[in-house]
Protein backbone atom coordinates (compact mmCIF):
# COMPACT_ATOMS: atom_id res chain seq x y z
CA UNK A 1 0.12 -0.07 0.03
CA UNK A 2 1.03 3.35 -1.40
CA UNK A 3 2.88 5.35 2.18
CA UNK A 4 0.83 8.32 3.11
CA UNK A 5 3.35 11.30 4.14
CA UNK A 6 2.36 14.16 6.99
CA UNK A 7 4.46 17.09 7.04
CA UNK A 8 4.20 19.43 10.06
CA UNK A 9 5.52 22.76 10.06
CA UNK A 10 5.29 25.48 13.05
CA UNK A 11 8.03 26.73 15.33
CA UNK A 12 5.82 26.42 18.71
CA UNK A 13 7.85 24.43 21.03
CA UNK A 14 4.79 23.48 23.06
CA UNK A 15 2.42 22.31 20.69
CA UNK A 16 5.17 20.46 19.12
CA UNK A 17 5.88 18.18 21.83
CA UNK A 18 2.14 17.88 22.58
CA UNK A 19 2.02 16.67 18.67
CA UNK A 20 5.13 14.79 19.47
CA UNK A 21 3.67 12.96 22.46
CA UNK A 22 0.61 11.40 21.12
CA UNK A 23 0.01 11.22 17.70
CA UNK A 24 3.06 9.29 16.01
CA UNK A 25 1.41 6.38 18.28
CA UNK A 26 -1.64 6.76 16.30
CA UNK A 27 -0.86 6.59 12.98
CA UNK A 28 -0.80 3.13 11.17
CA UNK A 29 2.25 1.80 9.29
CA UNK A 30 1.48 3.12 6.22
CA UNK A 31 1.26 6.72 7.50
CA UNK A 32 4.66 8.92 7.68
CA UNK A 33 4.78 12.21 9.93
CA UNK A 34 7.83 14.72 9.15
CA UNK A 35 8.37 18.20 11.57
CA UNK A 36 10.07 20.92 10.94
CA UNK A 37 10.03 22.75 14.16
CA UNK A 38 12.92 25.39 13.87
CA UNK A 39 13.67 28.21 11.60
CA UNK A 40 16.77 27.10 10.28
CA UNK A 41 15.43 23.66 9.08
CA UNK A 42 12.58 25.53 7.10
CA UNK A 43 15.67 27.49 5.69
CA UNK A 44 17.12 24.51 5.15
CA UNK A 45 14.19 22.54 3.56
CA UNK A 46 13.42 25.52 1.35
CA UNK A 47 16.24 25.18 -0.80
CA UNK A 48 14.89 22.13 -2.81
CA UNK A 49 12.06 20.86 -4.69
CA UNK A 50 10.69 18.33 -2.93
CA UNK A 51 8.37 15.11 -3.76
CA UNK A 52 4.21 15.66 -3.20
CA UNK A 53 3.04 14.87 0.24
CA UNK A 54 -0.64 13.72 1.47
CA UNK A 55 -1.27 16.51 3.92
CA UNK A 56 0.74 19.59 4.89
CA UNK A 57 -0.28 21.24 8.27
CA UNK A 58 1.64 24.61 8.59
CA UNK A 59 1.31 27.22 10.53
CA UNK A 60 -0.48 30.48 9.44
CA UNK A 61 2.34 32.55 9.61
CA UNK A 62 4.41 30.54 7.86
CA UNK A 63 4.19 32.02 4.06
CA UNK A 64 2.48 29.82 1.26
CA UNK A 65 6.02 30.35 -0.47
CA UNK A 66 6.64 26.84 0.57
CA UNK A 67 4.16 25.78 -1.64
CA UNK A 68 6.62 26.36 -4.46
CA UNK A 69 9.02 23.54 -3.46
CA UNK A 70 6.53 21.42 -1.32
CA UNK A 71 3.63 20.27 -3.34
CA UNK A 72 0.52 18.01 -1.30
CA UNK A 73 -2.61 17.31 -1.54
CA UNK A 74 -4.11 18.51 1.37
CA UNK A 75 -2.84 21.79 2.79
CA UNK A 76 -4.37 22.73 6.62
CA UNK A 77 -3.19 26.02 8.69
CA UNK A 78 -3.05 25.47 12.15
CA UNK A 79 -4.55 28.50 13.83
CA UNK A 80 -5.36 30.54 17.23
CA UNK A 81 -8.65 30.49 16.79
CA UNK A 82 -11.78 28.06 16.18
CA UNK A 83 -11.28 25.47 13.06
CA UNK A 84 -12.76 25.78 10.07
CA UNK A 85 -12.47 23.46 7.08
CA UNK A 86 -9.17 24.27 5.88
CA UNK A 87 -7.66 25.25 9.02
CA UNK A 88 -7.21 23.56 12.93
CA UNK A 89 -6.98 24.84 16.35
CA UNK A 90 -3.79 24.68 18.12
CA UNK A 91 -6.32 24.19 21.07
CA UNK A 92 -7.52 20.80 19.93
CA UNK A 93 -4.14 19.45 19.68
CA UNK A 94 -3.96 16.25 18.43
CA UNK A 95 -7.65 15.68 18.00
CA UNK A 96 -7.59 18.93 15.57
CA UNK A 97 -5.37 17.23 13.80
CA UNK A 98 -6.58 13.64 14.05
CA UNK A 99 -10.29 14.88 12.75
CA UNK A 100 -8.81 16.13 9.63
CA UNK A 101 -6.83 12.85 8.18
CA UNK A 102 -9.83 10.64 9.14
CA UNK A 103 -9.50 7.07 9.24
CA UNK A 104 -7.32 6.39 6.26
CA UNK A 105 -4.13 7.07 8.58
CA UNK A 106 -4.58 5.85 11.64
CA UNK A 107 -4.64 2.76 13.56
CA UNK A 108 -7.65 0.78 13.60
CA UNK A 109 -8.58 0.88 17.52
CA UNK A 110 -11.61 -1.89 17.50
CA UNK A 111 -10.26 -4.23 19.90
CA UNK A 112 -11.32 -7.39 18.62
CA UNK A 113 -14.26 -8.52 21.25
CA UNK A 114 -13.46 -10.78 24.15
CA UNK A 115 -9.69 -10.70 23.48
CA UNK A 116 -6.99 -9.85 26.43
CA UNK A 117 -4.32 -7.86 26.07
CA UNK A 118 -1.36 -7.87 27.87
CA UNK A 119 0.36 -5.10 28.53
CA UNK A 120 4.25 -5.61 30.15
CA UNK A 121 5.60 -2.98 31.90
CA UNK A 122 9.56 -3.12 32.78
CA UNK A 123 12.45 -1.01 33.41
CA UNK A 124 16.53 -1.40 32.68
CA UNK A 125 17.32 -0.66 36.41
CA UNK A 126 15.95 0.58 39.49
CA UNK A 127 14.66 3.82 40.17
CA UNK A 128 12.64 4.30 36.70
CA UNK A 129 9.31 4.90 38.10
CA UNK A 130 7.99 1.42 36.87
CA UNK A 131 5.26 0.89 39.09
CA UNK A 132 4.07 4.46 39.02
CA UNK A 133 3.66 3.82 35.31
CA UNK A 134 1.89 0.63 35.63
CA UNK A 135 -0.53 1.67 38.53
CA UNK A 136 -1.07 4.90 36.23
CA UNK A 137 -1.33 2.96 33.13
CA UNK A 138 -4.13 0.54 35.04
CA UNK A 139 -6.24 3.68 36.25
CA UNK A 140 -6.26 5.20 32.84
CA UNK A 141 -7.28 1.76 31.30
CA UNK A 142 -10.00 1.55 33.50
CA UNK A 143 -11.40 5.09 33.09
CA UNK A 144 -11.59 4.38 29.36
CA UNK A 145 -14.21 1.81 30.77
CA UNK A 146 -12.31 -1.15 30.07
CA UNK A 147 -11.72 -3.94 32.51
CA UNK A 148 -8.44 -4.27 34.17
CA UNK A 149 -6.47 -6.45 36.08
CA UNK A 150 -3.20 -5.48 37.26
CA UNK A 151 -0.69 -7.88 38.48
CA UNK A 152 2.98 -7.20 40.26
CA UNK A 153 5.05 -9.99 39.34
CA UNK A 154 8.11 -8.83 41.32
CA UNK A 155 9.82 -10.48 44.49
CA UNK A 156 9.31 -7.79 46.88
CA UNK A 157 6.27 -6.06 45.97
CA UNK A 158 5.64 -2.33 47.29
CA UNK A 159 2.98 -1.03 45.13
CA UNK A 160 0.55 0.09 47.93
CA UNK A 161 2.03 3.47 48.58
CA UNK A 162 0.40 4.03 45.09
CA UNK A 163 -2.91 2.98 46.43
CA UNK A 164 -4.95 5.87 48.17
CA UNK A 165 -5.74 4.78 51.95
CA UNK A 166 -9.67 4.69 51.22
CA UNK A 167 -8.70 1.32 49.13
CA UNK A 168 -7.77 -0.43 52.18
CA UNK A 169 -5.47 -2.60 50.69
CA UNK A 170 -4.86 -5.41 52.63
CA UNK A 171 -2.07 -7.96 52.47
CA UNK A 172 -2.15 -11.48 50.54
CA UNK A 173 -2.48 -14.53 53.52
CA UNK A 174 -2.03 -18.14 53.09
CA UNK A 175 -4.90 -18.74 51.23
CA UNK A 176 -3.27 -16.57 48.61
CA UNK A 177 -0.01 -18.34 48.41
CA UNK A 178 -1.94 -21.80 48.39
CA UNK A 179 -3.43 -20.64 44.93
CA UNK A 180 -0.11 -19.77 44.03
CA UNK A 181 0.98 -22.94 45.13
CA UNK A 182 -1.75 -25.07 43.44
CA UNK A 183 -1.66 -22.83 40.44
CA UNK A 184 -4.10 -19.97 39.96
CA UNK A 185 -6.47 -20.20 37.24
CA UNK A 186 -9.55 -18.33 35.90
CA UNK A 187 -11.84 -20.32 37.76
CA UNK A 188 -9.97 -19.42 41.23
CA UNK A 189 -9.51 -15.97 40.53
CA UNK A 190 -12.20 -14.63 42.59
CA UNK A 191 -10.32 -15.95 45.58
CA UNK A 192 -6.79 -13.82 45.26
CA UNK A 193 -7.74 -10.88 43.67
CA UNK A 194 -9.32 -7.56 44.87
CA UNK A 195 -11.39 -5.21 43.38
CA UNK A 196 -11.47 -1.00 43.04
CA UNK A 197 -11.47 1.19 39.97
CA UNK A 198 -8.96 -1.91 38.24
CA UNK A 199 -8.76 -5.45 39.80
CA UNK A 200 -5.42 -6.33 41.45
CA UNK A 201 -3.82 -9.44 43.12
CA UNK A 202 -2.89 -8.51 46.26
CA UNK A 203 0.54 -7.91 47.53
CA UNK A 204 2.60 -10.30 49.96
CA UNK A 205 4.33 -8.18 52.91
CA UNK A 206 7.25 -9.83 52.54
CA UNK A 207 9.22 -11.44 49.41
CA UNK A 208 7.60 -14.15 47.64
CA UNK A 209 10.00 -16.94 48.12
CA UNK A 210 9.17 -16.85 51.99
CA UNK A 211 5.39 -18.03 50.90
CA UNK A 212 7.12 -20.69 48.87
CA UNK A 213 5.83 -18.57 46.02
CA UNK A 214 7.77 -18.05 42.91
CA UNK A 215 7.75 -15.47 39.80
CA UNK A 216 6.94 -18.66 37.58
CA UNK A 217 3.37 -18.90 39.40
CA UNK A 218 2.54 -14.97 38.21
CA UNK A 219 3.76 -15.93 34.74
CA UNK A 220 1.74 -18.85 34.29
CA UNK A 221 -1.50 -16.81 36.03
CA UNK A 222 -1.06 -13.82 33.36
CA UNK A 223 -1.23 -16.90 30.45
CA UNK A 224 -4.27 -18.63 32.15
CA UNK A 225 -6.48 -15.67 32.82
CA UNK A 226 -5.38 -14.20 29.23
CA UNK A 227 -6.78 -16.81 28.01
CA UNK A 228 -9.90 -17.23 29.28
CA UNK A 229 -10.57 -13.84 28.04
CA UNK A 230 -12.17 -12.66 31.69
CA UNK A 231 -10.41 -8.86 31.02
CA UNK A 232 -9.88 -6.15 28.35
CA UNK A 233 -6.11 -5.91 30.16
CA UNK A 234 -3.69 -7.01 32.21
CA UNK A 235 -1.06 -4.58 32.90
CA UNK A 236 2.11 -6.60 34.37
CA UNK A 237 5.05 -5.23 36.24
CA UNK A 238 7.96 -7.10 36.11
CA UNK A 239 11.65 -6.83 38.06
CA UNK A 240 13.75 -4.56 37.45
CA UNK A 241 16.25 -5.57 35.11
CA UNK A 242 16.31 -9.19 33.16
CA UNK A 243 16.56 -12.64 34.47
CA UNK A 244 16.91 -15.44 32.30
CA UNK A 245 13.15 -16.59 33.42
CA UNK A 246 12.10 -13.12 32.61
CA UNK A 247 13.49 -12.30 28.91
CA UNK A 248 12.36 -15.94 28.35
CA UNK A 249 8.67 -14.57 29.27
CA UNK A 250 9.69 -11.40 27.27
CA UNK A 251 10.49 -12.90 24.23
CA UNK A 252 6.34 -13.62 23.41
CA UNK A 253 5.14 -10.06 24.90
CA UNK A 254 3.21 -8.15 22.30
CA UNK A 255 3.17 -4.87 23.78
CA UNK A 256 5.69 -3.77 26.52
CA UNK A 257 6.53 -0.17 28.22
CA UNK A 258 9.93 -0.07 29.40
CA UNK A 259 10.87 2.46 32.04
CA UNK A 260 14.21 4.66 31.77
CA UNK A 261 15.90 7.16 33.65
CA UNK A 262 16.77 10.59 32.01
CA UNK A 263 20.77 10.06 32.05
CA UNK A 264 23.73 8.79 30.22
CA UNK A 265 23.69 5.41 29.20
CA UNK A 266 20.33 4.49 29.72
CA UNK A 267 19.84 4.56 25.67
CA UNK A 268 22.90 1.74 25.53
CA UNK A 269 20.98 -0.14 28.81
CA UNK A 270 17.81 0.00 26.78
CA UNK A 271 19.50 -1.92 24.01
CA UNK A 272 21.26 -4.48 25.92
CA UNK A 273 18.39 -5.62 27.54
CA UNK A 274 16.20 -5.73 24.35
CA UNK A 275 18.88 -7.56 22.58
CA UNK A 276 18.35 -10.23 25.25
CA UNK A 277 15.00 -10.60 23.85
CA UNK A 278 15.77 -13.21 21.17
CA UNK A 279 12.52 -13.71 20.02
CA UNK A 280 10.89 -10.35 20.70
CA UNK A 281 8.35 -9.46 17.51
CA UNK A 282 5.56 -7.41 19.90
CA UNK A 283 5.38 -3.12 20.44
CA UNK A 284 7.71 -1.79 22.85
CA UNK A 285 7.32 2.19 23.90
CA UNK A 286 9.82 3.85 26.34
CA UNK A 287 8.47 6.29 29.48
CA UNK A 288 11.43 8.66 30.18
CA UNK A 289 11.39 9.37 34.15
CA UNK A 290 13.40 12.90 34.57
CA UNK A 291 13.58 15.16 37.51
CA UNK A 292 13.56 17.71 34.56
CA UNK A 293 10.49 16.71 32.65
CA UNK A 294 9.15 20.15 32.03
CA UNK A 295 13.01 21.54 30.55
CA UNK A 296 13.40 18.28 28.26
CA UNK A 297 12.79 17.83 24.58
CA UNK A 298 10.53 14.89 23.84
CA UNK A 299 11.53 15.13 20.14
CA UNK A 300 15.30 14.96 20.64
CA UNK A 301 14.82 12.00 22.89
CA UNK A 302 13.10 10.12 20.25
CA UNK A 303 16.30 10.44 18.26
CA UNK A 304 18.28 9.26 21.40
CA UNK A 305 16.08 5.60 21.46
CA UNK A 306 15.54 2.87 19.06
CA UNK A 307 11.81 2.55 20.32
CA UNK A 308 9.02 5.09 20.18
CA UNK A 309 9.30 7.75 23.22
CA UNK A 310 6.03 7.91 24.59
CA UNK A 311 6.27 10.68 27.12
CA UNK A 312 8.80 12.57 29.53
CA UNK A 313 7.05 11.56 33.18
CA UNK A 314 8.59 14.37 36.11
CA UNK A 315 10.24 12.11 38.38
CA UNK A 316 10.53 12.72 42.37
CA UNK A 317 13.81 12.41 43.73
CA UNK A 318 12.22 12.80 46.98
CA UNK A 319 10.54 9.48 46.55
CA UNK A 320 6.77 11.57 47.06
CA UNK A 321 3.39 9.87 45.70
CA UNK A 322 1.03 12.38 44.76
CA UNK A 323 -1.71 9.32 44.32
CA UNK A 324 -4.63 11.21 43.38
CA UNK A 325 -2.61 12.68 40.48
CA UNK A 326 -1.23 9.86 39.22
CA UNK A 327 -4.94 7.83 38.90
CA UNK A 328 -6.74 11.01 37.71
CA UNK A 329 -4.36 13.43 36.42
CA UNK A 330 -2.87 13.46 32.85
CA UNK A 331 0.55 11.26 33.37
CA UNK A 332 0.58 8.00 31.19
CA UNK A 333 -2.35 9.31 28.77
CA UNK A 334 0.05 8.97 25.84
CA UNK A 335 1.70 5.47 27.07
CA UNK A 336 -1.98 3.95 26.98
CA UNK A 337 -2.88 5.89 23.78
CA UNK A 338 0.46 3.80 22.12
CA UNK A 339 -0.31 0.55 23.95
CA UNK A 340 -3.59 -0.20 23.42
């Protein structure tokens, strides 16, 4: 199928960052988005003639002279006011562009009825905001109306600090341990899970090996429950780094969100991490945790990693957790849009 080319031109950094946080993950495989975001880049672009694009979206302040070197099938102007037939309001952000593009440019978001999708949340090392991401993604999917099960497949489970106190989360007991030892299947899920905004498997107070429970039991549970198609989504949080057993499990993953810290060496760590998933052929997206999120350019981060960067989330060096903001705020919406 012929590739559909979209060219976006705007020097509004805030607007471009908002577009990059969502639009690339909404486009289908036949649609290619290119962006000119600086005056110097536009000057260089104007020096040569270019092949026709399907859609050109440009800021109204940019001269139509560009049409002499860049022919286009459709032209839309970015405006500060409300949109019209040939314009897109900046205030509508991604929705404004998507409404003009139409279904031909977008992924098919219709989820097959009765099919459970597993989203694996991983990190190349500790301190990347993985638990916050897993809870945030579970909450956002639930708010969208999907049935969600969150599973913490780690030796030491610490996600309760990210849940509101009003949930009154209680520790897993001996019956939960017995259920795992016997092999938790869909038929016994009601004896194990806790229900709230999203369902979750209760945490053990101590490392799971203290209860004679092992990570393989969690991996088996994910597969068993997914096969029964009880939930729309299962969000699985994994150990930091890799073990042989985890690498084998993730090699079959169809959707992964990998958390990284905004620092030197992370791109190399991610590359080495993914190279050890020998048969992985699913989707992989990056969530960048940064204490300087507001000043970090997502466009530059896109170039740094070999996988799409969904968003840059503000980290907290003091380890504070704003639970209500996590459940109700805008963090992880871009990631959910990508992986769902």
